[in-house]
C-alpha cells in the first residue's frame, strides 16, 4: 500500500472538518467552504417563482478563480448530495459551482409531480404514432397546471437564471453544464436537441423518453439528420431494474437509452464525447445519485491539480517557517 503523505492527510482532516464540523484552528484559515446561498427568482418566461440554491466549491482565502457552473433540476428542500459534490471536488473532478433549481413552498409529492410535469416536459405531438405509451400521468396533474412547458422553462434558464448567476458569482461563462434525472433527463435531451449550445456538458440520468409517444427520440433523429456536429460531453445513465418488472417494462427506460445511444454513436459527431452506463441492480429511484456522481466524472474528468494537494501545500507553509 502506498504511503499517504502527511500534508495530504492534514488537508483531508482539515477539509473533512470544514465540510462536516469544526476544523482544527490551524486549518480554519486555510480552506473556506461557503454556505449554500438561496434566492427567490420570479420568472417572466414561466410566470412563476423559483427557489435557486447556489453551492460554491471549497476555496482558498483570497482565491480569484472562475469556476464552471452545473445547473441542476429537482433541487427542492435541502441541496441533494451537497456534501458528496464537495468531497468529489477535493480530487475526483475539477471544482465547480452547482446551481439547484427548485420551487418555493412545494412540499407534497403530488405538488412535485405536478410542477415537474409542467416545466420539464416538451409539448406533446398529438399526431405522433411512434408506438410509445403516451402520457400516463396526465390524469394526476392538477387542473391549474399543464404539461409541455419545457420551451418556457429553458428560456427562463437561458435569459433569466444564467445572467443572474453570472452577475453574482465567479463563473466561467464558457463552461456550463446540466444535470437532470427522470423528467429532468428528458428535459436535458430537449435542450441537447433543440438548443445544444446552452451547455457544453450534459449529465442525463434515466431520461423519460417514453413521454408523449416517445416524441423526443423522433426529435433526436431529426437533429442527427440535419446537424453536422454536436459539440458536447454527454453522459447517459440508467438502472438495469428500470425495465425489469412488468409494471416498468412499458416505459422502456433501458431500451430507449440504448436507442438514443446508438443514434448518437452512429452519427459519429467529431465534437461529441459520449459516455453511457447501465447500473446493475438499480431502480429508477436508487440510481439517481449514481447517475449524478458517475456523470460528473464522465463529463468533467479529473482536475489538472487536486484541490486537496493544493490545500495541503498551503497548510504546510506555516510549519516550514517555524
Protein backbone atom coordinates (compact mmCIF):
# COMPACT_ATOMS: atom_id res chain seq x y z
CA UNK A 1 0.00 0.00 0.00
CA UNK A 2 1.32 3.42 -0.95
CA UNK A 3 2.15 5.72 1.96
CA UNK A 4 -0.04 8.78 2.49
CA UNK A 5 1.97 11.99 2.57
CA UNK A 6 1.43 13.90 5.85
CA UNK A 7 0.43 17.09 4.03
CA UNK A 8 -2.32 15.30 2.14
CA UNK A 9 -3.58 13.70 5.34
CA UNK A 10 -3.62 17.06 7.16
CA UNK A 11 -5.56 18.61 4.29
CA UNK A 12 -8.04 15.76 4.27
CA UNK A 13 -8.64 16.13 8.01
CA UNK A 14 -8.96 19.89 7.71
CA UNK A 15 -11.33 19.72 4.77
CA UNK A 16 -13.38 17.00 6.39
CA UNK A 17 -13.80 19.28 9.38
CA UNK A 18 -14.71 22.21 7.18
CA UNK A 19 -17.32 20.15 5.33
CA UNK A 20 -18.92 18.41 8.25
CA UNK A 21 -17.92 20.07 11.52
CA UNK A 22 -15.36 22.21 13.34
CA UNK A 23 -11.90 22.14 11.79
CA UNK A 24 -8.64 22.45 13.74
CA UNK A 25 -7.73 26.05 14.48
CA UNK A 26 -4.70 25.98 12.18
CA UNK A 27 -6.83 24.71 9.33
CA UNK A 28 -9.73 27.09 9.62
CA UNK A 29 -7.93 29.87 7.79
CA UNK A 30 -6.58 27.60 5.05
CA UNK A 31 -9.78 26.40 3.40
CA UNK A 32 -13.11 28.17 3.07
CA UNK A 33 -16.36 26.32 2.44
CA UNK A 34 -19.00 28.95 1.75
CA UNK A 35 -22.54 28.23 2.94
CA UNK A 36 -25.20 27.39 0.39
CA UNK A 37 -26.97 30.57 -0.67
CA UNK A 38 -30.66 30.69 -1.60
CA UNK A 39 -32.51 33.15 -3.83
CA UNK A 40 -36.10 33.52 -5.00
CA UNK A 41 -36.28 34.37 -8.67
CA UNK A 42 -39.52 35.46 -10.33
CA UNK A 43 -39.60 34.34 -13.97
CA UNK A 44 -41.38 36.32 -16.65
CA UNK A 45 -40.82 33.45 -19.06
CA UNK A 46 -42.65 30.88 -16.91
CA UNK A 47 -44.87 33.18 -14.87
CA UNK A 48 -43.85 31.63 -11.57
CA UNK A 49 -41.24 31.83 -8.83
CA UNK A 50 -38.22 29.56 -8.40
CA UNK A 51 -36.05 28.84 -5.38
CA UNK A 52 -32.45 28.90 -6.53
CA UNK A 53 -29.75 27.37 -4.33
CA UNK A 54 -26.09 28.05 -5.08
CA UNK A 55 -23.39 25.73 -3.81
CA UNK A 56 -19.89 27.20 -4.08
CA UNK A 57 -16.85 24.92 -4.02
CA UNK A 58 -14.19 24.78 -1.30
CA UNK A 59 -11.77 27.69 -1.82
CA UNK A 60 -8.51 29.07 -0.52
CA UNK A 61 -8.56 32.52 1.12
CA UNK A 62 -8.15 35.29 -1.41
CA UNK A 63 -8.69 32.97 -4.36
CA UNK A 64 -9.82 34.62 -7.59
CA UNK A 65 -10.65 31.52 -9.62
CA UNK A 66 -13.61 31.46 -12.01
CA UNK A 67 -15.48 28.17 -11.90
CA UNK A 68 -17.59 26.08 -14.28
CA UNK A 69 -21.29 26.05 -13.41
CA UNK A 70 -23.52 22.98 -13.24
CA UNK A 71 -27.26 23.71 -13.41
CA UNK A 72 -29.38 21.06 -11.68
CA UNK A 73 -33.13 20.49 -11.75
CA UNK A 74 -35.16 18.91 -8.92
CA UNK A 75 -33.29 20.59 -6.07
CA UNK A 76 -36.06 21.17 -3.54
CA UNK A 77 -35.65 21.49 0.21
CA UNK A 78 -32.06 20.73 1.16
CA UNK A 79 -29.47 20.65 -1.60
CA UNK A 80 -29.38 16.98 -2.60
CA UNK A 81 -25.89 15.49 -2.50
CA UNK A 82 -24.22 18.74 -1.41
CA UNK A 83 -21.55 17.11 0.72
CA UNK A 84 -20.89 14.40 -1.88
CA UNK A 85 -20.34 17.10 -4.50
CA UNK A 86 -17.90 18.98 -2.33
CA UNK A 87 -15.99 15.85 -1.41
CA UNK A 88 -15.65 14.95 -5.09
CA UNK A 89 -14.17 18.41 -5.71
CA UNK A 90 -11.25 17.56 -3.42
CA UNK A 91 -9.65 15.47 -6.15
CA UNK A 92 -12.08 13.49 -8.32
CA UNK A 93 -13.35 16.33 -10.51
CA UNK A 94 -12.49 20.00 -11.03
CA UNK A 95 -14.22 22.38 -8.67
CA UNK A 96 -17.47 23.89 -9.93
CA UNK A 97 -20.44 25.96 -8.81
CA UNK A 98 -23.67 23.97 -8.52
CA UNK A 99 -26.96 25.81 -9.09
CA UNK A 100 -30.04 23.95 -7.89
CA UNK A 101 -33.42 24.86 -9.35
CA UNK A 102 -36.42 24.22 -7.13
CA UNK A 103 -39.76 25.64 -6.12
CA UNK A 104 -40.65 27.69 -3.03
CA UNK A 105 -43.42 26.21 -0.92
CA UNK A 106 -43.61 22.89 -2.79
CA UNK A 107 -43.69 20.14 -0.17
CA UNK A 108 -46.00 17.29 -1.20
CA UNK A 109 -45.30 14.53 -3.70
CA UNK A 110 -48.30 15.44 -5.84
CA UNK A 111 -47.23 19.10 -5.96
CA UNK A 112 -43.79 17.99 -7.05
CA UNK A 113 -45.11 15.70 -9.80
CA UNK A 114 -47.44 18.41 -10.97
CA UNK A 115 -44.92 21.21 -11.28
CA UNK A 116 -42.17 18.98 -12.70
CA UNK A 117 -44.52 17.85 -15.45
CA UNK A 118 -45.23 21.47 -16.25
CA UNK A 119 -41.61 22.59 -16.62
CA UNK A 120 -39.62 19.53 -17.66
CA UNK A 121 -41.74 18.13 -20.50
CA UNK A 122 -41.75 19.25 -24.14
CA UNK A 123 -45.05 19.91 -25.90
CA UNK A 124 -46.61 16.62 -26.98
CA UNK A 125 -47.04 15.95 -30.68
CA UNK A 126 -50.58 14.61 -30.56
CA UNK A 127 -50.25 13.39 -34.13
CA UNK A 128 -47.24 11.20 -33.37
CA UNK A 129 -47.63 7.47 -33.77
CA UNK A 130 -44.26 6.09 -32.75
CA UNK A 131 -45.55 3.30 -30.58
CA UNK A 132 -44.93 4.94 -27.22
CA UNK A 133 -47.19 4.81 -24.21
CA UNK A 134 -48.45 8.37 -24.29
CA UNK A 135 -48.64 10.45 -21.12
CA UNK A 136 -49.88 8.09 -18.40
CA UNK A 137 -49.56 10.56 -15.52
CA UNK A 138 -51.52 13.33 -17.22
CA UNK A 139 -54.56 12.47 -15.14
CA UNK A 140 -52.59 13.18 -11.98
CA UNK A 141 -51.94 16.79 -12.96
CA UNK A 142 -53.95 19.41 -11.14
CA UNK A 143 -56.39 21.43 -13.29
CA UNK A 144 -54.33 24.58 -12.65
CA UNK A 145 -51.25 23.05 -14.24
CA UNK A 146 -50.39 21.60 -17.59
CA UNK A 147 -47.51 19.81 -19.24
CA UNK A 148 -45.36 20.88 -22.16
CA UNK A 149 -43.68 23.91 -20.57
CA UNK A 150 -40.10 22.96 -21.48
CA UNK A 151 -39.68 25.83 -24.01
CA UNK A 152 -40.61 28.44 -21.40
CA UNK A 153 -38.52 26.78 -18.68
CA UNK A 154 -35.49 26.63 -20.96
CA UNK A 155 -35.83 30.32 -21.77
CA UNK A 156 -36.06 31.04 -18.04
CA UNK A 157 -32.69 29.30 -17.63
CA UNK A 158 -31.12 30.97 -20.68
CA UNK A 159 -32.46 34.51 -20.36
CA UNK A 160 -33.03 34.94 -16.62
CA UNK A 161 -31.20 32.41 -14.46
CA UNK A 162 -27.82 32.24 -16.23
CA UNK A 163 -27.41 36.06 -16.34
CA UNK A 164 -28.46 36.23 -12.67
CA UNK A 165 -25.80 33.70 -11.65
CA UNK A 166 -23.07 35.17 -13.87
CA UNK A 167 -23.64 38.64 -12.41
CA UNK A 168 -23.27 37.48 -8.79
CA UNK A 169 -20.77 34.63 -8.71
CA UNK A 170 -17.25 33.88 -10.04
CA UNK A 171 -18.41 31.85 -13.01
CA UNK A 172 -16.66 30.76 -16.18
CA UNK A 173 -19.26 31.71 -18.84
CA UNK A 174 -17.58 29.39 -21.33
CA UNK A 175 -18.12 26.27 -19.22
CA UNK A 176 -21.70 25.43 -18.29
CA UNK A 177 -23.21 22.02 -17.62
CA UNK A 178 -26.59 20.46 -16.88
CA UNK A 179 -27.80 17.57 -14.75
CA UNK A 180 -31.33 16.18 -14.66
CA UNK A 181 -32.87 12.80 -13.84
CA UNK A 182 -36.11 11.15 -15.00
CA UNK A 183 -38.23 14.01 -16.37
CA UNK A 184 -35.14 16.12 -15.73
CA UNK A 185 -33.27 13.74 -18.03
CA UNK A 186 -35.97 14.20 -20.65
CA UNK A 187 -35.56 17.96 -20.32
CA UNK A 188 -31.80 17.53 -20.78
CA UNK A 189 -32.48 15.73 -24.06
CA UNK A 190 -34.82 18.54 -25.08
CA UNK A 191 -32.04 21.09 -24.56
CA UNK A 192 -29.47 18.90 -26.29
CA UNK A 193 -31.56 18.51 -29.44
CA UNK A 194 -33.11 21.98 -29.65
CA UNK A 195 -30.55 24.44 -28.23
CA UNK A 196 -27.41 22.39 -27.58
CA UNK A 197 -25.20 25.48 -27.30
CA UNK A 198 -26.84 26.26 -23.93
CA UNK A 199 -24.47 23.84 -22.21
CA UNK A 200 -21.23 22.12 -23.04
CA UNK A 201 -21.71 19.23 -20.59
CA UNK A 202 -24.85 17.13 -20.14
CA UNK A 203 -25.48 14.56 -17.39
CA UNK A 204 -28.70 12.86 -18.46
CA UNK A 205 -29.98 10.34 -15.93
CA UNK A 206 -32.76 7.83 -16.65
CA UNK A 207 -34.46 10.08 -19.22
CA UNK A 208 -38.23 9.65 -19.51
CA UNK A 209 -38.09 9.17 -23.26
CA UNK A 210 -41.50 7.47 -23.16
CA UNK A 211 -43.16 10.86 -22.69
CA UNK A 212 -45.55 11.88 -25.48
CA UNK A 213 -45.34 8.72 -27.57
CA UNK A 214 -41.53 8.84 -27.45
CA UNK A 215 -41.51 12.14 -29.32
CA UNK A 216 -38.03 13.05 -28.09
CA UNK A 217 -36.48 10.11 -29.96
CA UNK A 218 -38.06 11.48 -33.13
CA UNK A 219 -36.66 14.94 -32.32
CA UNK A 220 -33.22 13.39 -31.79
CA UNK A 221 -33.44 11.56 -35.11
CA UNK A 222 -34.32 14.74 -36.97
CA UNK A 223 -31.44 16.51 -35.24
CA UNK A 224 -28.90 13.89 -36.34
CA UNK A 225 -30.23 14.08 -39.90
CA UNK A 226 -29.78 17.84 -40.16
CA UNK A 227 -26.83 18.78 -37.90
CA UNK A 228 -23.21 18.25 -38.96
CA UNK A 229 -21.78 18.31 -35.46
CA UNK A 230 -22.68 18.26 -31.77
CA UNK A 231 -20.01 19.82 -29.58
CA UNK A 232 -20.73 18.48 -26.12
CA UNK A 233 -19.67 16.00 -23.47
CA UNK A 234 -22.70 13.82 -22.74
CA UNK A 235 -23.32 11.12 -20.13
CA UNK A 236 -26.35 8.80 -20.36
CA UNK A 237 -27.09 6.60 -17.34
CA UNK A 238 -29.90 4.21 -16.44
CA UNK A 239 -30.54 1.43 -13.90
CA UNK A 240 -30.97 -2.15 -15.09
CA UNK A 241 -34.08 -2.61 -12.93
CA UNK A 242 -35.87 0.31 -14.59
CA UNK A 243 -37.25 -2.10 -17.15
CA UNK A 244 -37.17 -5.34 -15.15
CA UNK A 245 -40.71 -5.56 -13.81
CA UNK A 246 -43.88 -5.87 -15.85
CA UNK A 247 -45.04 -2.58 -14.40
CA UNK A 248 -41.89 -0.74 -15.52
CA UNK A 249 -41.28 -2.53 -18.81
CA UNK A 250 -43.89 -0.46 -20.61
CA UNK A 251 -41.76 2.66 -20.04
CA UNK A 252 -38.83 1.08 -21.94
CA UNK A 253 -36.35 3.12 -19.93
CA UNK A 254 -33.32 0.93 -20.69
CA UNK A 255 -34.33 0.16 -24.27
CA UNK A 256 -34.81 3.83 -25.12
CA UNK A 257 -31.48 4.88 -23.62
CA UNK A 258 -29.79 2.27 -25.81
CA UNK A 259 -31.75 3.55 -28.82
CA UNK A 260 -30.60 7.09 -28.14
CA UNK A 261 -27.02 5.93 -27.63
CA UNK A 262 -26.98 4.09 -30.96
CA UNK A 263 -28.47 7.09 -32.74
CA UNK A 264 -25.68 9.35 -31.47
CA UNK A 265 -22.84 6.87 -31.94
CA UNK A 266 -23.88 6.01 -35.48
CA UNK A 267 -23.75 9.71 -36.39
CA UNK A 268 -20.04 9.91 -35.37
CA UNK A 269 -20.12 13.58 -34.47
CA UNK A 270 -16.49 14.80 -34.25
CA UNK A 271 -17.27 17.22 -31.39
CA UNK A 272 -19.26 14.76 -29.26
CA UNK A 273 -17.82 12.82 -26.34
CA UNK A 274 -20.47 10.28 -25.29
CA UNK A 275 -20.36 8.07 -22.20
CA UNK A 276 -23.09 5.62 -21.22
CA UNK A 277 -23.53 3.36 -18.22
CA UNK A 278 -26.05 0.70 -17.22
CA UNK A 279 -26.08 0.42 -13.43
CA UNK A 280 -26.70 -3.22 -12.44
CA UNK A 281 -29.40 -3.95 -9.85
CA UNK A 282 -30.51 -0.31 -9.54
CA UNK A 283 -34.05 1.02 -9.86
CA UNK A 284 -35.41 4.36 -11.02
CA UNK A 285 -35.17 5.81 -7.52
CA UNK A 286 -31.91 4.28 -6.32
CA UNK A 287 -29.93 5.19 -9.44
CA UNK A 288 -30.46 8.97 -9.39
CA UNK A 289 -27.43 9.91 -7.25
CA UNK A 290 -25.32 7.31 -9.06
CA UNK A 291 -26.18 8.94 -12.36
CA UNK A 292 -25.04 12.27 -10.96
CA UNK A 293 -21.78 11.01 -9.43
CA UNK A 294 -20.67 8.89 -12.37
CA UNK A 295 -21.87 11.56 -14.76
CA UNK A 296 -19.69 14.20 -13.08
CA UNK A 297 -16.61 12.05 -13.56
CA UNK A 298 -17.58 11.33 -17.18
CA UNK A 299 -18.22 14.90 -18.34
CA UNK A 300 -15.61 16.75 -16.27
CA UNK A 301 -12.81 14.22 -15.92
CA UNK A 302 -10.06 14.55 -13.30
CA UNK A 303 -8.78 18.00 -12.31
CA UNK A 304 -5.44 19.23 -13.58
CA UNK A 305 -4.38 19.54 -9.97
CA UNK A 306 -6.02 18.06 -6.88
CA UNK A 307 -7.51 20.76 -4.68
CA UNK A 308 -6.68 18.63 -1.64
CA UNK A 309 -3.00 18.66 -2.65
CA UNK A 310 -3.11 22.43 -3.17
CA UNK A 311 -4.72 22.94 0.23
CA UNK A 312 -2.18 20.61 1.84
CA UNK A 313 0.66 22.68 0.42
CA UNK A 314 -0.94 25.83 1.83
CA UNK A 315 -1.31 24.19 5.25
CA UNK A 316 2.32 23.04 5.26
CA UNK A 317 3.75 26.55 4.74
CA UNK A 318 3.30 27.83 8.34
CA UNK A 319 5.12 24.72 9.66
CA UNK A 320 8.01 25.28 7.23
CA UNK A 321 8.54 28.83 8.53
CA UNK A 322 8.85 27.71 12.16
